[in-house]
């Protein structure tokens, strides 16, 4: 989060001072350094060797174990609500692309500013995101379960509260991306980013709801599947945004914001899908505790 706040403005300052290549090389070095540091993390799982076991038996045992793990992974998505969570995860990457990877090129073309200066716009969004995440949203989440809150906005437990906040986040994302596509000035664009910052926490709320359907030992497997689903969605989301961007540039005018209008439609789809998610009255973790 801090990196997303600092890096765009830092990159803009470096590009203005030394050109585009030094920041690019610096980013490559930092990525390689991060990858090297991973190898310093100690391994906690000790591999148990089986001496004297035939190769055929090892293969059959590994295959049987792999099939068992696959069956366990599939069991995590046995309910309709979990399938909907997986489908929404395939669409949420569009919000990430709209605020980081795609934003620089779009803002540069629409408002006729150098790409080096678009980093300041991203940093403004980062500041808004941190203020909302650390100060505004904690107050809202506490107020929704506070006994003195009006009954219309009060929830009995944090499960239904998280589902409500996830749905509200999709509405905020829909409004924010629509403003981004419609705005013809940089201040209006930044205002749309601030509204969008209220919606980017939807992924956290969605994962919180998803954990209610699995046991504690299945959470790592659940998050891995959701992460792979999000990465796989980049195969079609990035080309789709690029196609909408090219089409919007051809038509000109308000149609330049066509990519963000498309993301706004995706947010509507995510909101409609979230209406079919049902929060279980008893989580799998509670069942384990009782047992």
C-alpha atoms as a PDB file:
ATOM      1  CA  UNK A   1       0.000   0.000   0.000  1.00  0.00           C
ATOM      2  CA  UNK A   2       2.806   2.400   0.938  1.00  0.00           C
ATOM      3  CA  UNK A   3       4.655   1.386  -2.215  1.00  0.00           C
ATOM      4  CA  UNK A   4       1.643   2.227  -4.354  1.00  0.00           C
ATOM      5  CA  UNK A   5       1.502   5.610  -2.636  1.00  0.00           C
ATOM      6  CA  UNK A   6       5.171   6.537  -3.057  1.00  0.00           C
ATOM      7  CA  UNK A   7       6.265   4.843  -6.278  1.00  0.00           C
ATOM      8  CA  UNK A   8       4.129   6.777  -8.857  1.00  0.00           C
ATOM      9  CA  UNK A   9       5.252  10.203  -7.616  1.00  0.00           C
ATOM     10  CA  UNK A  10       8.836   9.001  -7.240  1.00  0.00           C
ATOM     11  CA  UNK A  11       8.789   7.603 -10.776  1.00  0.00           C
ATOM     12  CA  UNK A  12       7.419  10.886 -12.110  1.00  0.00           C
ATOM     13  CA  UNK A  13      10.201  12.871 -10.425  1.00  0.00           C
ATOM     14  CA  UNK A  14      12.896  10.492 -11.710  1.00  0.00           C
ATOM     15  CA  UNK A  15      11.496  10.519 -15.250  1.00  0.00           C
ATOM     16  CA  UNK A  16      11.445  14.303 -15.271  1.00  0.00           C
ATOM     17  CA  UNK A  17      15.050  14.425 -14.062  1.00  0.00           C
ATOM     18  CA  UNK A  18      16.842  11.556 -15.820  1.00  0.00           C
ATOM     19  CA  UNK A  19      14.395  10.184 -18.407  1.00  0.00           C
ATOM     20  CA  UNK A  20      12.368   6.950 -18.567  1.00  0.00           C
ATOM     21  CA  UNK A  21      15.117   4.315 -18.610  1.00  0.00           C
ATOM     22  CA  UNK A  22      16.734   4.765 -15.147  1.00  0.00           C
ATOM     23  CA  UNK A  23      13.382   4.364 -13.304  1.00  0.00           C
ATOM     24  CA  UNK A  24      12.649   1.294 -15.432  1.00  0.00           C
ATOM     25  CA  UNK A  25      16.024  -0.293 -14.628  1.00  0.00           C
ATOM     26  CA  UNK A  26      15.607   0.596 -10.956  1.00  0.00           C
ATOM     27  CA  UNK A  27      12.227  -1.155 -10.860  1.00  0.00           C
ATOM     28  CA  UNK A  28      13.758  -4.289 -12.426  1.00  0.00           C
ATOM     29  CA  UNK A  29      16.529  -4.295  -9.823  1.00  0.00           C
ATOM     30  CA  UNK A  30      14.021  -3.939  -6.974  1.00  0.00           C
ATOM     31  CA  UNK A  31      11.915  -6.810  -8.333  1.00  0.00           C
ATOM     32  CA  UNK A  32      14.982  -9.061  -8.586  1.00  0.00           C
ATOM     33  CA  UNK A  33      16.028  -8.044  -5.075  1.00  0.00           C
ATOM     34  CA  UNK A  34      12.579  -8.945  -3.735  1.00  0.00           C
ATOM     35  CA  UNK A  35      12.740 -12.325  -5.469  1.00  0.00           C
ATOM     36  CA  UNK A  36      16.187 -12.986  -3.943  1.00  0.00           C
ATOM     37  CA  UNK A  37      14.993 -12.105  -0.439  1.00  0.00           C
ATOM     38  CA  UNK A  38      12.274 -14.775  -0.684  1.00  0.00           C
ATOM     39  CA  UNK A  39      14.986 -17.458  -0.609  1.00  0.00           C
ATOM     40  CA  UNK A  40      16.074 -16.194   2.819  1.00  0.00           C
ATOM     41  CA  UNK A  41      12.710 -17.148   4.320  1.00  0.00           C
ATOM     42  CA  UNK A  42      13.220 -20.407   6.273  1.00  0.00           C
ATOM     43  CA  UNK A  43      11.284 -23.473   5.206  1.00  0.00           C
ATOM     44  CA  UNK A  44       8.925 -24.704   7.922  1.00  0.00           C
ATOM     45  CA  UNK A  45       7.689 -27.857   6.175  1.00  0.00           C
ATOM     46  CA  UNK A  46      10.115 -30.772   6.379  1.00  0.00           C
ATOM     47  CA  UNK A  47       9.940 -33.267   3.544  1.00  0.00           C
ATOM     48  CA  UNK A  48       9.778 -36.836   4.733  1.00  0.00           C
ATOM     49  CA  UNK A  49      11.708 -39.268   2.568  1.00  0.00           C
ATOM     50  CA  UNK A  50      10.476 -42.826   2.073  1.00  0.00           C
ATOM     51  CA  UNK A  51      13.382 -45.239   1.776  1.00  0.00           C
ATOM     52  CA  UNK A  52      12.921 -48.583   0.132  1.00  0.00           C
ATOM     53  CA  UNK A  53       9.606 -47.710  -1.549  1.00  0.00           C
ATOM     54  CA  UNK A  54       9.376 -48.691  -5.262  1.00  0.00           C
ATOM     55  CA  UNK A  55       9.049 -45.918  -7.825  1.00  0.00           C
ATOM     56  CA  UNK A  56       5.668 -47.234  -9.000  1.00  0.00           C
ATOM     57  CA  UNK A  57       4.329 -47.094  -5.465  1.00  0.00           C
ATOM     58  CA  UNK A  58       5.642 -43.552  -5.029  1.00  0.00           C
ATOM     59  CA  UNK A  59       3.953 -42.463  -8.253  1.00  0.00           C
ATOM     60  CA  UNK A  60       0.637 -44.045  -7.301  1.00  0.00           C
ATOM     61  CA  UNK A  61       0.828 -42.561  -3.818  1.00  0.00           C
ATOM     62  CA  UNK A  62       1.604 -39.082  -5.191  1.00  0.00           C
ATOM     63  CA  UNK A  63      -1.185 -39.362  -7.760  1.00  0.00           C
ATOM     64  CA  UNK A  64      -3.678 -40.478  -5.143  1.00  0.00           C
ATOM     65  CA  UNK A  65      -2.643 -37.656  -2.840  1.00  0.00           C
ATOM     66  CA  UNK A  66      -2.914 -35.092  -5.646  1.00  0.00           C
ATOM     67  CA  UNK A  67      -6.397 -36.289  -6.570  1.00  0.00           C
ATOM     68  CA  UNK A  68      -7.398 -36.068  -2.923  1.00  0.00           C
ATOM     69  CA  UNK A  69      -6.133 -32.490  -2.683  1.00  0.00           C
ATOM     70  CA  UNK A  70      -7.992 -31.624  -5.889  1.00  0.00           C
ATOM     71  CA  UNK A  71     -11.181 -33.049  -4.447  1.00  0.00           C
ATOM     72  CA  UNK A  72     -10.706 -31.001  -1.264  1.00  0.00           C
ATOM     73  CA  UNK A  73     -10.172 -27.853  -3.322  1.00  0.00           C
ATOM     74  CA  UNK A  74     -13.348 -28.493  -5.306  1.00  0.00           C
ATOM     75  CA  UNK A  75     -15.318 -29.070  -2.103  1.00  0.00           C
ATOM     76  CA  UNK A  76     -14.576 -25.480  -1.044  1.00  0.00           C
ATOM     77  CA  UNK A  77     -16.797 -24.294  -3.909  1.00  0.00           C
ATOM     78  CA  UNK A  78     -19.690 -26.669  -3.327  1.00  0.00           C
ATOM     79  CA  UNK A  79     -22.255 -23.938  -2.650  1.00  0.00           C
ATOM     80  CA  UNK A  80     -23.792 -21.477  -5.088  1.00  0.00           C
ATOM     81  CA  UNK A  81     -22.549 -18.523  -3.033  1.00  0.00           C
ATOM     82  CA  UNK A  82     -18.933 -19.699  -3.337  1.00  0.00           C
ATOM     83  CA  UNK A  83     -19.290 -20.117  -7.094  1.00  0.00           C
ATOM     84  CA  UNK A  84     -20.561 -16.533  -7.282  1.00  0.00           C
ATOM     85  CA  UNK A  85     -17.576 -15.394  -5.185  1.00  0.00           C
ATOM     86  CA  UNK A  86     -15.246 -17.080  -7.680  1.00  0.00           C
ATOM     87  CA  UNK A  87     -17.010 -15.421 -10.629  1.00  0.00           C
ATOM     88  CA  UNK A  88     -16.815 -11.984  -8.984  1.00  0.00           C
ATOM     89  CA  UNK A  89     -13.100 -12.522  -8.360  1.00  0.00           C
ATOM     90  CA  UNK A  90     -12.628 -12.940 -12.107  1.00  0.00           C
ATOM     91  CA  UNK A  91     -14.021  -9.426 -12.604  1.00  0.00           C
ATOM     92  CA  UNK A  92     -12.392  -7.524  -9.740  1.00  0.00           C
ATOM     93  CA  UNK A  93      -9.040  -7.180 -11.489  1.00  0.00           C
ATOM     94  CA  UNK A  94     -10.646  -4.535 -13.701  1.00  0.00           C
ATOM     95  CA  UNK A  95     -10.601  -2.122 -10.723  1.00  0.00           C
ATOM     96  CA  UNK A  96      -6.875  -2.703 -10.202  1.00  0.00           C
ATOM     97  CA  UNK A  97      -6.130  -2.160 -13.886  1.00  0.00           C
ATOM     98  CA  UNK A  98      -8.193   1.042 -13.945  1.00  0.00           C
ATOM     99  CA  UNK A  99      -6.210   2.652 -11.122  1.00  0.00           C
ATOM    100  CA  UNK A 100      -2.637   1.576 -11.889  1.00  0.00           C
ATOM    101  CA  UNK A 101      -1.631  -0.090 -15.169  1.00  0.00           C
ATOM    102  CA  UNK A 102      -4.179   1.609 -17.413  1.00  0.00           C
ATOM    103  CA  UNK A 103      -4.498   4.988 -15.719  1.00  0.00           C
ATOM    104  CA  UNK A 104      -1.195   6.527 -16.911  1.00  0.00           C
ATOM    105  CA  UNK A 105      -1.795   5.961 -20.601  1.00  0.00           C
ATOM    106  CA  UNK A 106      -5.437   7.028 -20.399  1.00  0.00           C
ATOM    107  CA  UNK A 107      -4.772  10.255 -18.463  1.00  0.00           C
ATOM    108  CA  UNK A 108      -1.861  11.148 -20.738  1.00  0.00           C
ATOM    109  CA  UNK A 109      -3.927  10.756 -23.911  1.00  0.00           C
ATOM    110  CA  UNK A 110      -7.124  12.364 -22.650  1.00  0.00           C
ATOM    111  CA  UNK A 111      -5.688  15.374 -20.807  1.00  0.00           C
ATOM    112  CA  UNK A 112      -2.616  15.801 -23.028  1.00  0.00           C
ATOM    113  CA  UNK A 113      -0.056  15.604 -20.237  1.00  0.00           C
ATOM    114  CA  UNK A 114       3.281  13.713 -20.205  1.00  0.00           C
ATOM    115  CA  UNK A 115       3.186  10.181 -18.838  1.00  0.00           C
ATOM    116  CA  UNK A 116       5.813  11.266 -16.307  1.00  0.00           C
ATOM    117  CA  UNK A 117       3.251  13.622 -14.724  1.00  0.00           C
ATOM    118  CA  UNK A 118       0.526  10.992 -14.401  1.00  0.00           C
ATOM    119  CA  UNK A 119       2.351   9.532 -11.410  1.00  0.00           C
ATOM    120  CA  UNK A 120       1.206  12.503  -9.334  1.00  0.00           C
ATOM    121  CA  UNK A 121      -2.406  11.629 -10.152  1.00  0.00           C
ATOM    122  CA  UNK A 122      -1.815   8.046  -9.010  1.00  0.00           C
ATOM    123  CA  UNK A 123      -0.208   9.274  -5.783  1.00  0.00           C
ATOM    124  CA  UNK A 124      -3.259  11.453  -5.126  1.00  0.00           C
ATOM    125  CA  UNK A 125      -5.373   8.315  -5.427  1.00  0.00           C
ATOM    126  CA  UNK A 126      -2.973   6.504  -3.070  1.00  0.00           C
ATOM    127  CA  UNK A 127      -3.330   9.221  -0.439  1.00  0.00           C
ATOM    128  CA  UNK A 128      -7.115   9.053  -0.716  1.00  0.00           C
ATOM    129  CA  UNK A 129      -7.053   5.270  -0.457  1.00  0.00           C
ATOM    130  CA  UNK A 130      -4.937   5.315   2.710  1.00  0.00           C
ATOM    131  CA  UNK A 131      -7.085   7.999   4.380  1.00  0.00           C
ATOM    132  CA  UNK A 132     -10.256   6.071   3.577  1.00  0.00           C
ATOM    133  CA  UNK A 133      -8.811   2.682   4.598  1.00  0.00           C
ATOM    134  CA  UNK A 134      -7.263   3.799   7.890  1.00  0.00           C
ATOM    135  CA  UNK A 135      -9.673   6.460   9.117  1.00  0.00           C
ATOM    136  CA  UNK A 136     -13.035   6.480   7.347  1.00  0.00           C
ATOM    137  CA  UNK A 137     -13.786   2.771   6.756  1.00  0.00           C
ATOM    138  CA  UNK A 138     -12.899   1.627  10.329  1.00  0.00           C
ATOM    139  CA  UNK A 139     -15.350   4.214  11.652  1.00  0.00           C
ATOM    140  CA  UNK A 140     -18.048   3.088   9.208  1.00  0.00           C
ATOM    141  CA  UNK A 141     -17.570  -0.616   9.985  1.00  0.00           C
ATOM    142  CA  UNK A 142     -17.814   0.058  13.726  1.00  0.00           C
ATOM    143  CA  UNK A 143     -20.868   2.275  13.310  1.00  0.00           C
ATOM    144  CA  UNK A 144     -22.762  -0.413  11.382  1.00  0.00           C
ATOM    145  CA  UNK A 145     -22.719  -2.773  14.396  1.00  0.00           C
ATOM    146  CA  UNK A 146     -23.051  -0.078  17.073  1.00  0.00           C
ATOM    147  CA  UNK A 147     -26.283  -0.520  19.092  1.00  0.00           C
ATOM    148  CA  UNK A 148     -27.163   3.172  18.789  1.00  0.00           C
ATOM    149  CA  UNK A 149     -27.142   3.139  14.982  1.00  0.00           C
ATOM    150  CA  UNK A 150     -30.595   3.342  13.311  1.00  0.00           C
ATOM    151  CA  UNK A 151     -32.044  -0.095  12.623  1.00  0.00           C
ATOM    152  CA  UNK A 152     -31.981   0.470   8.866  1.00  0.00           C
ATOM    153  CA  UNK A 153     -28.167   0.685   8.909  1.00  0.00           C
ATOM    154  CA  UNK A 154     -27.421  -1.591  11.865  1.00  0.00           C
ATOM    155  CA  UNK A 155     -26.376  -5.219  11.492  1.00  0.00           C
ATOM    156  CA  UNK A 156     -26.426  -7.932  14.102  1.00  0.00           C
ATOM    157  CA  UNK A 157     -23.033  -9.412  13.236  1.00  0.00           C
ATOM    158  CA  UNK A 158     -19.955  -8.691  11.151  1.00  0.00           C
ATOM    159  CA  UNK A 159     -20.885 -11.345   8.546  1.00  0.00           C
ATOM    160  CA  UNK A 160     -23.894  -9.488   7.196  1.00  0.00           C
ATOM    161  CA  UNK A 161     -22.081  -6.209   7.674  1.00  0.00           C
ATOM    162  CA  UNK A 162     -19.235  -7.364   5.395  1.00  0.00           C
ATOM    163  CA  UNK A 163     -21.718  -8.470   2.747  1.00  0.00           C
ATOM    164  CA  UNK A 164     -23.425  -5.074   2.916  1.00  0.00           C
ATOM    165  CA  UNK A 165     -20.076  -3.269   2.642  1.00  0.00           C
ATOM    166  CA  UNK A 166     -19.069  -5.428  -0.325  1.00  0.00           C
ATOM    167  CA  UNK A 167     -22.262  -4.500  -2.159  1.00  0.00           C
ATOM    168  CA  UNK A 168     -21.827  -0.836  -1.233  1.00  0.00           C
ATOM    169  CA  UNK A 169     -18.249  -0.996  -2.515  1.00  0.00           C
ATOM    170  CA  UNK A 170     -19.451  -2.180  -5.914  1.00  0.00           C
ATOM    171  CA  UNK A 171     -21.865   0.764  -6.063  1.00  0.00           C
ATOM    172  CA  UNK A 172     -19.044   3.181  -5.148  1.00  0.00           C
ATOM    173  CA  UNK A 173     -16.807   1.584  -7.794  1.00  0.00           C
ATOM    174  CA  UNK A 174     -19.572   1.896 -10.384  1.00  0.00           C
ATOM    175  CA  UNK A 175     -20.069   5.605  -9.614  1.00  0.00           C
ATOM    176  CA  UNK A 176     -16.333   6.298  -9.426  1.00  0.00           C
ATOM    177  CA  UNK A 177     -15.440   4.649 -12.732  1.00  0.00           C
ATOM    178  CA  UNK A 178     -18.394   6.345 -14.446  1.00  0.00           C
ATOM    179  CA  UNK A 179     -17.097   9.731 -13.255  1.00  0.00           C
ATOM    180  CA  UNK A 180     -13.604   8.803 -14.508  1.00  0.00           C
ATOM    181  CA  UNK A 181     -14.980   8.069 -17.963  1.00  0.00           C
ATOM    182  CA  UNK A 182     -17.186  11.164 -18.035  1.00  0.00           C
ATOM    183  CA  UNK A 183     -14.811  13.754 -16.577  1.00  0.00           C
ATOM    184  CA  UNK A 184     -13.224  16.169 -19.006  1.00  0.00           C
ATOM    185  CA  UNK A 185     -10.811  17.750 -16.511  1.00  0.00           C
ATOM    186  CA  UNK A 186      -8.076  16.523 -14.185  1.00  0.00           C
ATOM    187  CA  UNK A 187      -9.817  17.743 -10.959  1.00  0.00           C
ATOM    188  CA  UNK A 188     -12.958  15.842 -11.969  1.00  0.00           C
ATOM    189  CA  UNK A 189     -10.839  12.781 -12.722  1.00  0.00           C
ATOM    190  CA  UNK A 190      -9.215  12.967  -9.281  1.00  0.00           C
ATOM    191  CA  UNK A 191     -12.670  13.302  -7.697  1.00  0.00           C
ATOM    192  CA  UNK A 192     -13.683  10.089  -9.469  1.00  0.00           C
ATOM    193  CA  UNK A 193     -10.587   8.368  -8.075  1.00  0.00           C
ATOM    194  CA  UNK A 194     -11.550   9.438  -4.553  1.00  0.00           C
ATOM    195  CA  UNK A 195     -15.026   7.948  -4.987  1.00  0.00           C
ATOM    196  CA  UNK A 196     -13.442   4.808  -6.442  1.00  0.00           C
ATOM    197  CA  UNK A 197     -11.193   4.526  -3.368  1.00  0.00           C
ATOM    198  CA  UNK A 198     -14.306   3.733  -1.318  1.00  0.00           C
ATOM    199  CA  UNK A 199     -14.890   0.661  -3.476  1.00  0.00           C
ATOM    200  CA  UNK A 200     -11.502  -0.986  -3.772  1.00  0.00           C
ATOM    201  CA  UNK A 201     -11.887  -2.685  -0.369  1.00  0.00           C
ATOM    202  CA  UNK A 202     -14.566  -4.957  -1.821  1.00  0.00           C
ATOM    203  CA  UNK A 203     -12.015  -7.728  -2.385  1.00  0.00           C
ATOM    204  CA  UNK A 204     -11.247  -7.889   1.331  1.00  0.00           C
ATOM    205  CA  UNK A 205     -14.914  -8.042   2.269  1.00  0.00           C
ATOM    206  CA  UNK A 206     -15.501 -10.757  -0.323  1.00  0.00           C
ATOM    207  CA  UNK A 207     -12.676 -12.906   1.071  1.00  0.00           C
ATOM    208  CA  UNK A 208     -14.036 -12.384   4.571  1.00  0.00           C
ATOM    209  CA  UNK A 209     -17.393 -13.769   3.431  1.00  0.00           C
ATOM    210  CA  UNK A 210     -15.741 -16.657   1.575  1.00  0.00           C
ATOM    211  CA  UNK A 211     -13.940 -17.849   4.722  1.00  0.00           C
ATOM    212  CA  UNK A 212     -17.311 -18.550   6.349  1.00  0.00           C
ATOM    213  CA  UNK A 213     -17.845 -21.484   3.993  1.00  0.00           C
ATOM    214  CA  UNK A 214     -14.533 -23.272   4.594  1.00  0.00           C
ATOM    215  CA  UNK A 215     -12.646 -24.703   7.523  1.00  0.00           C
ATOM    216  CA  UNK A 216      -9.472 -23.149   8.889  1.00  0.00           C
ATOM    217  CA  UNK A 217      -7.207 -25.584   7.067  1.00  0.00           C
ATOM    218  CA  UNK A 218      -8.960 -24.847   3.772  1.00  0.00           C
ATOM    219  CA  UNK A 219      -8.375 -21.079   3.902  1.00  0.00           C
ATOM    220  CA  UNK A 220      -4.930 -21.207   2.301  1.00  0.00           C
ATOM    221  CA  UNK A 221      -6.306 -23.348  -0.510  1.00  0.00           C
ATOM    222  CA  UNK A 222      -9.256 -20.974  -0.892  1.00  0.00           C
ATOM    223  CA  UNK A 223      -7.082 -17.862  -1.155  1.00  0.00           C
ATOM    224  CA  UNK A 224      -4.783 -19.626  -3.622  1.00  0.00           C
ATOM    225  CA  UNK A 225      -7.690 -20.494  -5.919  1.00  0.00           C
ATOM    226  CA  UNK A 226      -9.111 -16.977  -5.697  1.00  0.00           C
ATOM    227  CA  UNK A 227      -5.667 -15.544  -6.471  1.00  0.00           C
ATOM    228  CA  UNK A 228      -5.219 -17.792  -9.497  1.00  0.00           C
ATOM    229  CA  UNK A 229      -8.694 -16.855 -10.686  1.00  0.00           C
ATOM    230  CA  UNK A 230      -7.833 -13.164 -10.457  1.00  0.00           C
ATOM    231  CA  UNK A 231      -4.573 -13.645 -12.367  1.00  0.00           C
ATOM    232  CA  UNK A 232      -6.279 -15.724 -15.059  1.00  0.00           C
ATOM    233  CA  UNK A 233      -8.829 -12.969 -15.613  1.00  0.00           C
ATOM    234  CA  UNK A 234      -6.013 -10.737 -16.878  1.00  0.00           C
ATOM    235  CA  UNK A 235      -5.972 -12.853 -20.051  1.00  0.00           C
ATOM    236  CA  UNK A 236      -9.212 -11.226 -21.216  1.00  0.00           C
ATOM    237  CA  UNK A 237      -9.524  -8.049 -19.148  1.00  0.00           C
ATOM    238  CA  UNK A 238      -6.369  -6.352 -20.436  1.00  0.00           C
ATOM    239  CA  UNK A 239      -7.165  -6.978 -24.134  1.00  0.00           C
ATOM    240  CA  UNK A 240     -10.768  -5.867 -23.542  1.00  0.00           C
ATOM    241  CA  UNK A 241      -9.674  -2.574 -21.965  1.00  0.00           C
ATOM    242  CA  UNK A 242      -7.160  -2.023 -24.770  1.00  0.00           C
ATOM    243  CA  UNK A 243      -9.867  -2.614 -27.375  1.00  0.00           C
ATOM    244  CA  UNK A 244     -12.267  -0.210 -25.634  1.00  0.00           C
ATOM    245  CA  UNK A 245      -9.505   2.375 -25.372  1.00  0.00           C
ATOM    246  CA  UNK A 246      -8.729   2.153 -29.093  1.00  0.00           C
ATOM    247  CA  UNK A 247     -12.420   2.335 -29.955  1.00  0.00           C
ATOM    248  CA  UNK A 248     -12.922   5.352 -27.702  1.00  0.00           C
ATOM    249  CA  UNK A 249      -9.973   7.181 -29.280  1.00  0.00           C
ATOM    250  CA  UNK A 250     -11.477   6.586 -32.725  1.00  0.00           C
ATOM    251  CA  UNK A 251     -14.859   8.102 -31.785  1.00  0.00           C
ATOM    252  CA  UNK A 252     -13.378  10.926 -29.694  1.00  0.00           C
ATOM    253  CA  UNK A 253     -15.296  13.265 -27.416  1.00  0.00           C
ATOM    254  CA  UNK A 254     -16.982  11.684 -24.419  1.00  0.00           C
ATOM    255  CA  UNK A 255     -16.393   8.257 -25.949  1.00  0.00           C
ATOM    256  CA  UNK A 256     -12.731   8.524 -24.939  1.00  0.00           C
ATOM    257  CA  UNK A 257     -13.898   7.367 -21.519  1.00  0.00           C
ATOM    258  CA  UNK A 258     -15.292   4.144 -22.997  1.00  0.00           C
ATOM    259  CA  UNK A 259     -12.855   1.888 -21.049  1.00  0.00           C
ATOM    260  CA  UNK A 260     -14.054   3.283 -17.735  1.00  0.00           C
ATOM    261  CA  UNK A 261     -17.671   3.040 -18.857  1.00  0.00           C
ATOM    262  CA  UNK A 262     -16.971  -0.642 -19.538  1.00  0.00           C
ATOM    263  CA  UNK A 263     -15.528  -1.096 -16.041  1.00  0.00           C
ATOM    264  CA  UNK A 264     -18.587   0.660 -14.631  1.00  0.00           C
ATOM    265  CA  UNK A 265     -20.777  -1.946 -16.355  1.00  0.00           C
ATOM    266  CA  UNK A 266     -18.601  -4.697 -14.852  1.00  0.00           C
ATOM    267  CA  UNK A 267     -19.204  -3.161 -11.413  1.00  0.00           C
ATOM    268  CA  UNK A 268     -22.952  -3.358 -12.049  1.00  0.00           C
ATOM    269  CA  UNK A 269     -22.540  -7.052 -12.900  1.00  0.00           C
ATOM    270  CA  UNK A 270     -20.546  -7.658  -9.703  1.00  0.00           C
ATOM    271  CA  UNK A 271     -23.184  -5.868  -7.629  1.00  0.00           C
ATOM    272  CA  UNK A 272     -26.026  -7.873  -9.180  1.00  0.00           C
ATOM    273  CA  UNK A 273     -24.100 -11.113  -8.629  1.00  0.00           C
ATOM    274  CA  UNK A 274     -23.432 -10.208  -4.981  1.00  0.00           C
ATOM    275  CA  UNK A 275     -27.196  -9.990  -4.385  1.00  0.00           C
ATOM    276  CA  UNK A 276     -27.335 -13.781  -4.753  1.00  0.00           C
ATOM    277  CA  UNK A 277     -24.676 -14.410  -2.088  1.00  0.00           C
ATOM    278  CA  UNK A 278     -26.198 -15.797   1.081  1.00  0.00           C
ATOM    279  CA  UNK A 279     -24.295 -15.509   4.347  1.00  0.00           C
ATOM    280  CA  UNK A 280     -24.436 -18.794   6.308  1.00  0.00           C
ATOM    281  CA  UNK A 281     -25.941 -18.596   9.754  1.00  0.00           C
ATOM    282  CA  UNK A 282     -23.124 -20.760  11.115  1.00  0.00           C
ATOM    283  CA  UNK A 283     -19.565 -20.640   9.782  1.00  0.00           C
ATOM    284  CA  UNK A 284     -17.418 -23.742   9.233  1.00  0.00           C
ATOM    285  CA  UNK A 285     -14.886 -22.395  11.740  1.00  0.00           C
ATOM    286  CA  UNK A 286     -17.593 -22.246  14.429  1.00  0.00           C
ATOM    287  CA  UNK A 287     -18.490 -25.859  13.658  1.00  0.00           C
ATOM    288  CA  UNK A 288     -14.845 -26.873  14.142  1.00  0.00           C
ATOM    289  CA  UNK A 289     -14.731 -25.068  17.495  1.00  0.00           C
ATOM    290  CA  UNK A 290     -17.849 -26.861  18.731  1.00  0.00           C
ATOM    291  CA  UNK A 291     -16.443 -30.220  17.682  1.00  0.00           C
END
